[in-house]
Amino acid sequence: MLSDQGIRSVIGSGELVVKSERDLSVRASSICLHLSKDIVVFERTEAEVDVLRGDSYPQGKRRTIGVDGYIIAPGEFLLAATVENIGLSRRLVGGLSNISGLARLGLNTLLSTHVSPGFGEGCARPITLEVYNSSKNHIRIYSGMRVCHLMISLLEATATLGYDAQFPGKYLSNSPDVSEFFKNSGVS
C-alpha cells in the first residue's frame, strides 16, 4: 500500500490520474474522495430480484443533490458518484474505505471496495459508491462532502488486462450506473 509520498509519486508519473476541480486531499495512506451531486435512488418494492434476470432489477431514478442536501432514510440504499475522476494504470489497484465519522453515524458509503487495475486507464472517471443508511436515523448528505478514502497499492507485476480493456463499455458514464451483474454472473 502506498504512503502519501508513494501516492504523489504515482500521480507525478501519470500512473494514477486524479482529476478534480477541488484541491487534492492526500492523507498519510489515502486520498479523500468527495460526493458528487449525482445519485441514483431506488424505489422500495416487495418484488423479488433474480440476479440472473436483468428485467427483475430495481429501476433507479437519477437525482441531483441540491444545496439543501439529500436525506437518506433508515435502510435506504442509493448509488452515488465521486467528484474526483480516477484513472489507474495496470500496475495499481485501489481499495475504498469508509470515513470513520460517517460510519459512526451509520452511513456506509461503500459496499464494494475493490477498484480494479486499469480502471479509468483510457479516460479517468468517477467511482460509483453504494451508499447505505444502516442507522435508525435519517441522515442528510451533501454534494462536496468527504465521502470515502481511496487507498492505492502497487501490484507485484503489471496486470495483463486492465478493467477498461477487459470490460469495454461497462459503466463508462460519468454518473452512477445500475447493476449489470446479470450479463456476467458466473452461472452457466
Protein backbone atom coordinates (compact mmCIF):
# COMPACT_ATOMS: atom_id res chain seq x y z
CA MET A 1 0.00 0.00 0.00
CA LEU A 2 1.34 3.42 -0.89
CA SER A 3 2.00 6.20 1.59
CA ASP A 4 1.34 9.86 0.82
CA GLN A 5 4.80 10.04 -0.78
CA GLY A 6 4.09 7.00 -2.95
CA ILE A 7 0.69 8.40 -3.95
CA ARG A 8 2.24 11.68 -5.00
CA SER A 9 4.94 9.77 -6.92
CA VAL A 10 2.46 7.70 -8.99
CA ILE A 11 0.42 10.84 -9.66
CA GLY A 12 3.60 12.55 -10.84
CA SER A 13 4.47 9.61 -13.12
CA GLY A 14 0.94 9.54 -14.58
CA GLU A 15 0.21 6.01 -13.34
CA LEU A 16 -2.52 7.44 -11.12
CA VAL A 17 -4.75 10.16 -12.52
CA VAL A 18 -6.95 12.18 -10.18
CA LYS A 19 -8.91 14.93 -11.92
CA SER A 20 -10.95 17.29 -9.82
CA GLU A 21 -11.83 20.94 -9.51
CA ARG A 22 -11.17 20.54 -5.78
CA ASP A 23 -7.75 20.57 -4.14
CA LEU A 24 -6.41 17.03 -3.83
CA SER A 25 -6.76 15.74 -0.27
CA VAL A 26 -3.88 13.29 0.20
CA ARG A 27 -3.71 11.71 3.66
CA ALA A 28 -0.95 9.52 5.17
CA SER A 29 -2.01 6.48 3.11
CA SER A 30 -5.07 7.53 1.11
CA ILE A 31 -6.81 10.18 -0.92
CA CYS A 32 -10.08 11.57 0.45
CA LEU A 33 -12.78 11.44 -2.20
CA HIS A 34 -15.84 13.68 -2.22
CA LEU A 35 -19.51 13.12 -3.02
CA SER A 36 -20.75 14.49 -6.35
CA LYS A 37 -24.26 15.82 -6.87
CA ASP A 38 -25.23 12.79 -9.00
CA ILE A 39 -27.10 9.94 -7.30
CA VAL A 40 -29.39 7.08 -8.31
CA VAL A 41 -32.31 6.38 -5.98
CA PHE A 42 -34.30 3.13 -5.93
CA GLU A 43 -37.99 2.77 -5.16
CA ARG A 44 -38.91 0.30 -2.41
CA THR A 45 -40.65 -2.77 -3.74
CA GLU A 46 -41.61 -6.19 -2.46
CA ALA A 47 -40.74 -7.80 -5.81
CA GLU A 48 -38.02 -10.43 -5.89
CA VAL A 49 -34.74 -9.57 -7.56
CA ASP A 50 -33.34 -12.51 -9.53
CA VAL A 51 -29.62 -11.86 -10.06
CA LEU A 52 -29.74 -13.78 -13.36
CA ARG A 53 -32.59 -11.68 -14.81
CA GLY A 54 -31.80 -8.05 -15.51
CA ASP A 55 -35.50 -7.33 -16.06
CA SER A 56 -36.12 -8.07 -12.35
CA TYR A 57 -33.57 -5.49 -11.17
CA PRO A 58 -34.94 -2.43 -9.37
CA GLN A 59 -35.19 0.63 -11.56
CA GLY A 60 -33.07 3.51 -10.42
CA LYS A 61 -34.02 7.14 -10.88
CA ARG A 62 -31.30 9.72 -11.41
CA ARG A 63 -31.43 12.59 -8.97
CA THR A 64 -29.29 15.59 -8.17
CA ILE A 65 -28.35 16.53 -4.62
CA GLY A 66 -29.48 20.13 -4.16
CA VAL A 67 -27.98 22.80 -1.93
CA ASP A 68 -30.11 21.57 0.99
CA GLY A 69 -28.64 18.07 0.65
CA TYR A 70 -30.43 14.76 0.35
CA ILE A 71 -31.97 12.85 3.25
CA ILE A 72 -31.26 9.11 3.32
CA ALA A 73 -33.90 7.25 5.30
CA PRO A 74 -33.04 4.35 7.63
CA GLY A 75 -32.45 1.25 5.50
CA GLU A 76 -32.30 3.28 2.27
CA PHE A 77 -29.77 2.36 -0.40
CA LEU A 78 -28.58 4.53 -3.28
CA LEU A 79 -25.73 4.88 -5.73
CA ALA A 80 -23.52 7.96 -5.78
CA ALA A 81 -20.52 9.16 -7.74
CA THR A 82 -17.29 10.75 -6.59
CA VAL A 83 -16.39 14.31 -7.56
CA GLU A 84 -12.93 13.08 -8.49
CA ASN A 85 -12.29 11.28 -11.78
CA ILE A 86 -9.85 8.43 -11.22
CA GLY A 87 -7.59 6.54 -13.61
CA LEU A 88 -5.37 3.64 -12.51
CA SER A 89 -2.59 2.08 -14.55
CA ARG A 90 -2.49 -1.71 -14.75
CA ARG A 91 0.27 -1.62 -12.07
CA LEU A 92 -2.04 -0.11 -9.45
CA VAL A 93 -5.11 -1.35 -7.57
CA GLY A 94 -7.40 0.77 -5.42
CA GLY A 95 -9.23 0.00 -2.22
CA LEU A 96 -12.02 2.10 -0.75
CA SER A 97 -12.58 2.66 2.94
CA ASN A 98 -15.34 4.39 4.87
CA ILE A 99 -14.66 7.64 6.66
CA SER A 100 -14.98 6.67 10.31
CA GLY A 101 -17.00 9.77 11.26
CA LEU A 102 -19.69 8.78 8.72
CA ALA A 103 -19.56 5.12 9.73
CA ARG A 104 -20.18 6.13 13.34
CA LEU A 105 -23.38 7.83 12.19
CA GLY A 106 -24.45 4.57 10.50
CA LEU A 107 -23.68 5.70 6.97
CA ASN A 108 -21.87 3.06 4.93
CA THR A 109 -20.54 4.74 1.82
CA LEU A 110 -19.25 1.62 0.14
CA LEU A 111 -20.38 -1.95 -0.09
CA SER A 112 -17.94 -2.81 -2.87
CA THR A 113 -14.38 -1.72 -2.10
CA HIS A 114 -12.24 -3.03 -4.98
CA VAL A 115 -11.07 -0.65 -7.74
CA SER A 116 -9.50 -2.84 -10.42
CA PRO A 117 -6.16 -2.22 -12.13
CA GLY A 118 -6.79 -0.32 -15.35
CA PHE A 119 -9.99 1.34 -14.07
CA GLY A 120 -10.23 4.65 -15.92
CA GLU A 121 -6.95 3.91 -17.68
CA GLY A 122 -8.14 5.25 -21.03
CA CYS A 123 -10.24 8.05 -19.55
CA ALA A 124 -10.38 8.89 -15.85
CA ARG A 125 -13.90 8.74 -14.45
CA PRO A 126 -15.81 8.90 -11.16
CA ILE A 127 -16.03 5.89 -8.89
CA THR A 128 -19.55 4.70 -8.15
CA LEU A 129 -20.27 4.25 -4.45
CA GLU A 130 -23.01 2.16 -2.89
CA VAL A 131 -24.39 4.23 -0.03
CA TYR A 132 -26.48 2.61 2.71
CA ASN A 133 -28.01 4.05 5.88
CA SER A 134 -27.72 1.29 8.49
CA SER A 135 -28.81 3.55 11.35
CA LYS A 136 -32.25 4.19 12.79
CA ASN A 137 -31.98 7.88 11.93
CA HIS A 138 -32.47 9.93 8.79
CA ILE A 139 -29.09 11.23 7.58
CA ARG A 140 -28.67 14.33 5.41
CA ILE A 141 -25.77 14.18 2.95
CA TYR A 142 -24.33 16.98 0.83
CA SER A 143 -22.62 17.25 -2.51
CA GLY A 144 -18.94 18.05 -1.97
CA MET A 145 -18.64 16.38 1.43
CA ARG A 146 -15.80 13.94 2.12
CA VAL A 147 -17.28 10.51 1.50
CA CYS A 148 -14.52 7.85 1.49
CA HIS A 149 -10.81 7.09 1.31
CA LEU A 150 -9.10 5.70 -1.80
CA MET A 151 -6.05 3.62 -0.90
CA ILE A 152 -3.58 2.66 -3.62
CA SER A 153 -1.47 -0.49 -3.76
CA LEU A 154 1.25 -1.44 -6.19
CA LEU A 155 0.84 -4.87 -7.79
CA GLU A 156 3.83 -7.22 -7.77
CA ALA A 157 3.51 -7.40 -11.58
CA THR A 158 1.54 -5.39 -14.13
CA ALA A 159 -1.92 -6.84 -14.82
CA THR A 160 -2.10 -8.36 -18.29
CA LEU A 161 -5.53 -6.91 -18.98
CA GLY A 162 -6.88 -3.86 -17.18
CA TYR A 163 -10.51 -3.30 -16.20
CA ASP A 164 -11.36 -0.99 -19.09
CA ALA A 165 -9.78 -3.37 -21.63
CA GLN A 166 -11.46 -6.43 -20.11
CA PHE A 167 -14.90 -4.82 -19.89
CA PRO A 168 -15.00 -2.23 -22.68
CA GLY A 169 -18.05 -0.01 -22.47
CA LYS A 170 -19.08 -1.21 -18.99
CA TYR A 171 -20.08 1.50 -16.53
CA LEU A 172 -18.47 4.28 -18.57
CA SER A 173 -20.83 7.14 -17.79
CA ASN A 174 -19.74 9.95 -15.53
CA SER A 175 -22.68 9.34 -13.22
CA PRO A 176 -23.56 6.19 -11.27
CA ASP A 177 -24.98 3.27 -13.25
CA VAL A 178 -27.25 0.47 -12.03
CA SER A 179 -26.02 -3.14 -11.86
CA GLU A 180 -25.23 -5.19 -14.94
CA PHE A 181 -24.35 -8.31 -12.94
CA PHE A 182 -26.77 -10.46 -14.96
CA LYS A 183 -24.52 -10.05 -18.02
CA ASN A 184 -21.67 -11.94 -16.36
CA SER A 185 -22.93 -13.78 -13.27
CA GLY A 186 -20.60 -16.77 -13.49
CA VAL A 187 -23.61 -19.13 -13.56
CA SER A 188 -23.78 -21.44 -16.58
